[in-house]
C-alpha atoms as a PDB file:
ATOM      1  CA  MET A   1      -9.550  -2.239  14.649  1.00  0.00           C
ATOM      2  CA  TYR A   2      -6.798  -4.782  15.191  1.00  0.00           C
ATOM      3  CA  GLU A   3      -7.581  -7.692  17.472  1.00  0.00           C
ATOM      4  CA  MET A   4      -6.483 -11.215  18.175  1.00  0.00           C
ATOM      5  CA  LYS A   5      -9.113 -13.309  16.424  1.00  0.00           C
ATOM      6  CA  PRO A   6      -9.921 -16.874  17.518  1.00  0.00           C
ATOM      7  CA  GLU A   7      -8.312 -18.328  14.393  1.00  0.00           C
ATOM      8  CA  TYR A   8      -4.954 -16.807  15.380  1.00  0.00           C
ATOM      9  CA  TYR A   9      -4.690 -18.706  18.667  1.00  0.00           C
ATOM     10  CA  ILE A  10      -2.224 -21.592  18.640  1.00  0.00           C
ATOM     11  CA  GLY A  11      -3.131 -23.084  22.020  1.00  0.00           C
ATOM     12  CA  ILE A  12       0.044 -22.138  23.879  1.00  0.00           C
ATOM     13  CA  ASP A  13      -1.089 -19.632  26.508  1.00  0.00           C
ATOM     14  CA  MET A  14       2.178 -17.708  26.802  1.00  0.00           C
ATOM     15  CA  ILE A  15       2.542 -17.301  23.047  1.00  0.00           C
ATOM     16  CA  ASP A  16      -1.131 -16.447  22.557  1.00  0.00           C
ATOM     17  CA  GLU A  17      -0.922 -13.750  25.242  1.00  0.00           C
ATOM     18  CA  GLU A  18       2.164 -12.260  23.618  1.00  0.00           C
ATOM     19  CA  HIS A  19       0.460 -12.292  20.222  1.00  0.00           C
ATOM     20  CA  LYS A  20      -2.490 -10.421  21.811  1.00  0.00           C
ATOM     21  CA  GLN A  21      -0.060  -7.779  23.057  1.00  0.00           C
ATOM     22  CA  LEU A  22       1.433  -7.384  19.582  1.00  0.00           C
ATOM     23  CA  PHE A  23      -2.068  -6.819  18.198  1.00  0.00           C
ATOM     24  CA  LYS A  24      -2.617  -4.236  20.955  1.00  0.00           C
ATOM     25  CA  TYR A  25       0.403  -2.252  19.796  1.00  0.00           C
ATOM     26  CA  ALA A  26      -0.934  -2.321  16.229  1.00  0.00           C
ATOM     27  CA  ASP A  27      -4.331  -1.200  17.450  1.00  0.00           C
ATOM     28  CA  ASP A  28      -2.810   1.601  19.527  1.00  0.00           C
ATOM     29  CA  ALA A  29      -0.975   2.884  16.437  1.00  0.00           C
ATOM     30  CA  TYR A  30      -4.116   2.629  14.305  1.00  0.00           C
ATOM     31  CA  GLU A  31      -6.223   4.475  16.872  1.00  0.00           C
ATOM     32  CA  LEU A  32      -3.635   7.223  17.192  1.00  0.00           C
ATOM     33  CA  LEU A  33      -3.422   7.600  13.437  1.00  0.00           C
ATOM     34  CA  HIS A  34      -7.180   8.155  13.247  1.00  0.00           C
ATOM     35  CA  ASP A  35      -7.430  10.376  16.347  1.00  0.00           C
ATOM     36  CA  GLU A  36      -8.319  13.818  15.048  1.00  0.00           C
ATOM     37  CA  ASN A  37      -8.014  15.342  18.537  1.00  0.00           C
ATOM     38  CA  THR A  38      -4.271  14.712  18.777  1.00  0.00           C
ATOM     39  CA  PRO A  39      -2.527  17.072  16.353  1.00  0.00           C
ATOM     40  CA  ASP A  40       1.074  16.264  17.312  1.00  0.00           C
ATOM     41  CA  LYS A  41       1.438  12.512  17.323  1.00  0.00           C
ATOM     42  CA  TYR A  42       5.199  12.192  16.924  1.00  0.00           C
ATOM     43  CA  ASP A  43       6.113  11.460  20.561  1.00  0.00           C
ATOM     44  CA  ARG A  44       3.300   8.943  21.015  1.00  0.00           C
ATOM     45  CA  ILE A  45       4.123   7.174  17.739  1.00  0.00           C
ATOM     46  CA  ASP A  46       7.764   7.065  18.737  1.00  0.00           C
ATOM     47  CA  MET A  47       6.814   5.477  22.080  1.00  0.00           C
ATOM     48  CA  ILE A  48       4.531   2.884  20.433  1.00  0.00           C
ATOM     49  CA  LEU A  49       7.236   1.923  17.929  1.00  0.00           C
ATOM     50  CA  GLU A  50       9.886   1.672  20.634  1.00  0.00           C
ATOM     51  CA  ASP A  51       7.610  -0.500  22.780  1.00  0.00           C
ATOM     52  CA  LEU A  52       6.738  -2.639  19.758  1.00  0.00           C
ATOM     53  CA  ARG A  53      10.412  -3.109  18.864  1.00  0.00           C
ATOM     54  CA  ASP A  54      11.337  -4.143  22.388  1.00  0.00           C
ATOM     55  CA  TYR A  55       8.329  -6.412  22.824  1.00  0.00           C
ATOM     56  CA  THR A  56       8.882  -8.076  19.447  1.00  0.00           C
ATOM     57  CA  ALA A  57      12.460  -8.940  20.421  1.00  0.00           C
ATOM     58  CA  LYS A  58      11.213 -10.379  23.718  1.00  0.00           C
ATOM     59  CA  HIS A  59       8.466 -12.300  21.941  1.00  0.00           C
ATOM     60  CA  PHE A  60      10.781 -13.897  19.389  1.00  0.00           C
ATOM     61  CA  ASN A  61      13.152 -14.878  22.179  1.00  0.00           C
ATOM     62  CA  ASP A  62      10.298 -16.412  24.185  1.00  0.00           C
ATOM     63  CA  GLU A  63       9.002 -18.280  21.128  1.00  0.00           C
ATOM     64  CA  GLU A  64      12.439 -19.643  20.329  1.00  0.00           C
ATOM     65  CA  GLN A  65      12.994 -20.787  23.925  1.00  0.00           C
ATOM     66  CA  TYR A  66       9.661 -22.593  23.819  1.00  0.00           C
ATOM     67  CA  MET A  67      10.437 -24.135  20.426  1.00  0.00           C
ATOM     68  CA  GLU A  68      13.779 -25.341  21.709  1.00  0.00           C
ATOM     69  CA  SER A  69      12.133 -26.849  24.802  1.00  0.00           C
ATOM     70  CA  VAL A  70       9.824 -28.966  22.623  1.00  0.00           C
ATOM     71  CA  SER A  71      12.515 -29.761  20.012  1.00  0.00           C
ATOM     72  CA  TYR A  72      10.642 -27.899  17.285  1.00  0.00           C
ATOM     73  CA  THR A  73      12.126 -29.002  13.948  1.00  0.00           C
ATOM     74  CA  HIS A  74      11.831 -25.614  12.222  1.00  0.00           C
ATOM     75  CA  LEU A  75      13.501 -23.546  14.946  1.00  0.00           C
ATOM     76  CA  ARG A  76      16.409 -22.441  12.743  1.00  0.00           C
ATOM     77  CA  ALA A  77      14.012 -21.073  10.103  1.00  0.00           C
ATOM     78  CA  HIS A  78      12.217 -19.102  12.807  1.00  0.00           C
ATOM     79  CA  GLU A  79      15.506 -17.706  14.080  1.00  0.00           C
ATOM     80  CA  THR A  80      16.398 -16.607  10.568  1.00  0.00           C
ATOM     81  CA  LEU A  81      13.099 -14.745  10.185  1.00  0.00           C
ATOM     82  CA  ALA A  82      13.479 -13.150  13.601  1.00  0.00           C
ATOM     83  CA  ASN A  83      16.846 -11.714  12.589  1.00  0.00           C
ATOM     84  CA  LEU A  84      15.619  -9.997   9.424  1.00  0.00           C
END
């Protein structure tokens, strides 16, 4: 259901790959939600959300390191959003 569409790619391989992984977590959650053969989904949902939280923190850090390396002018705005 959720997938990284061509229009979402930004042309930076590392960032694009991380965005694909974020979409995978969303898709995993969606598939689990609609899986009628798994009656007790709590533990799996908890694992997906924990993985998503950890990966999102890593991703924002990676993005900010890249932005800093290329002197991206809107880095501070990105940092503010990442800390919400």
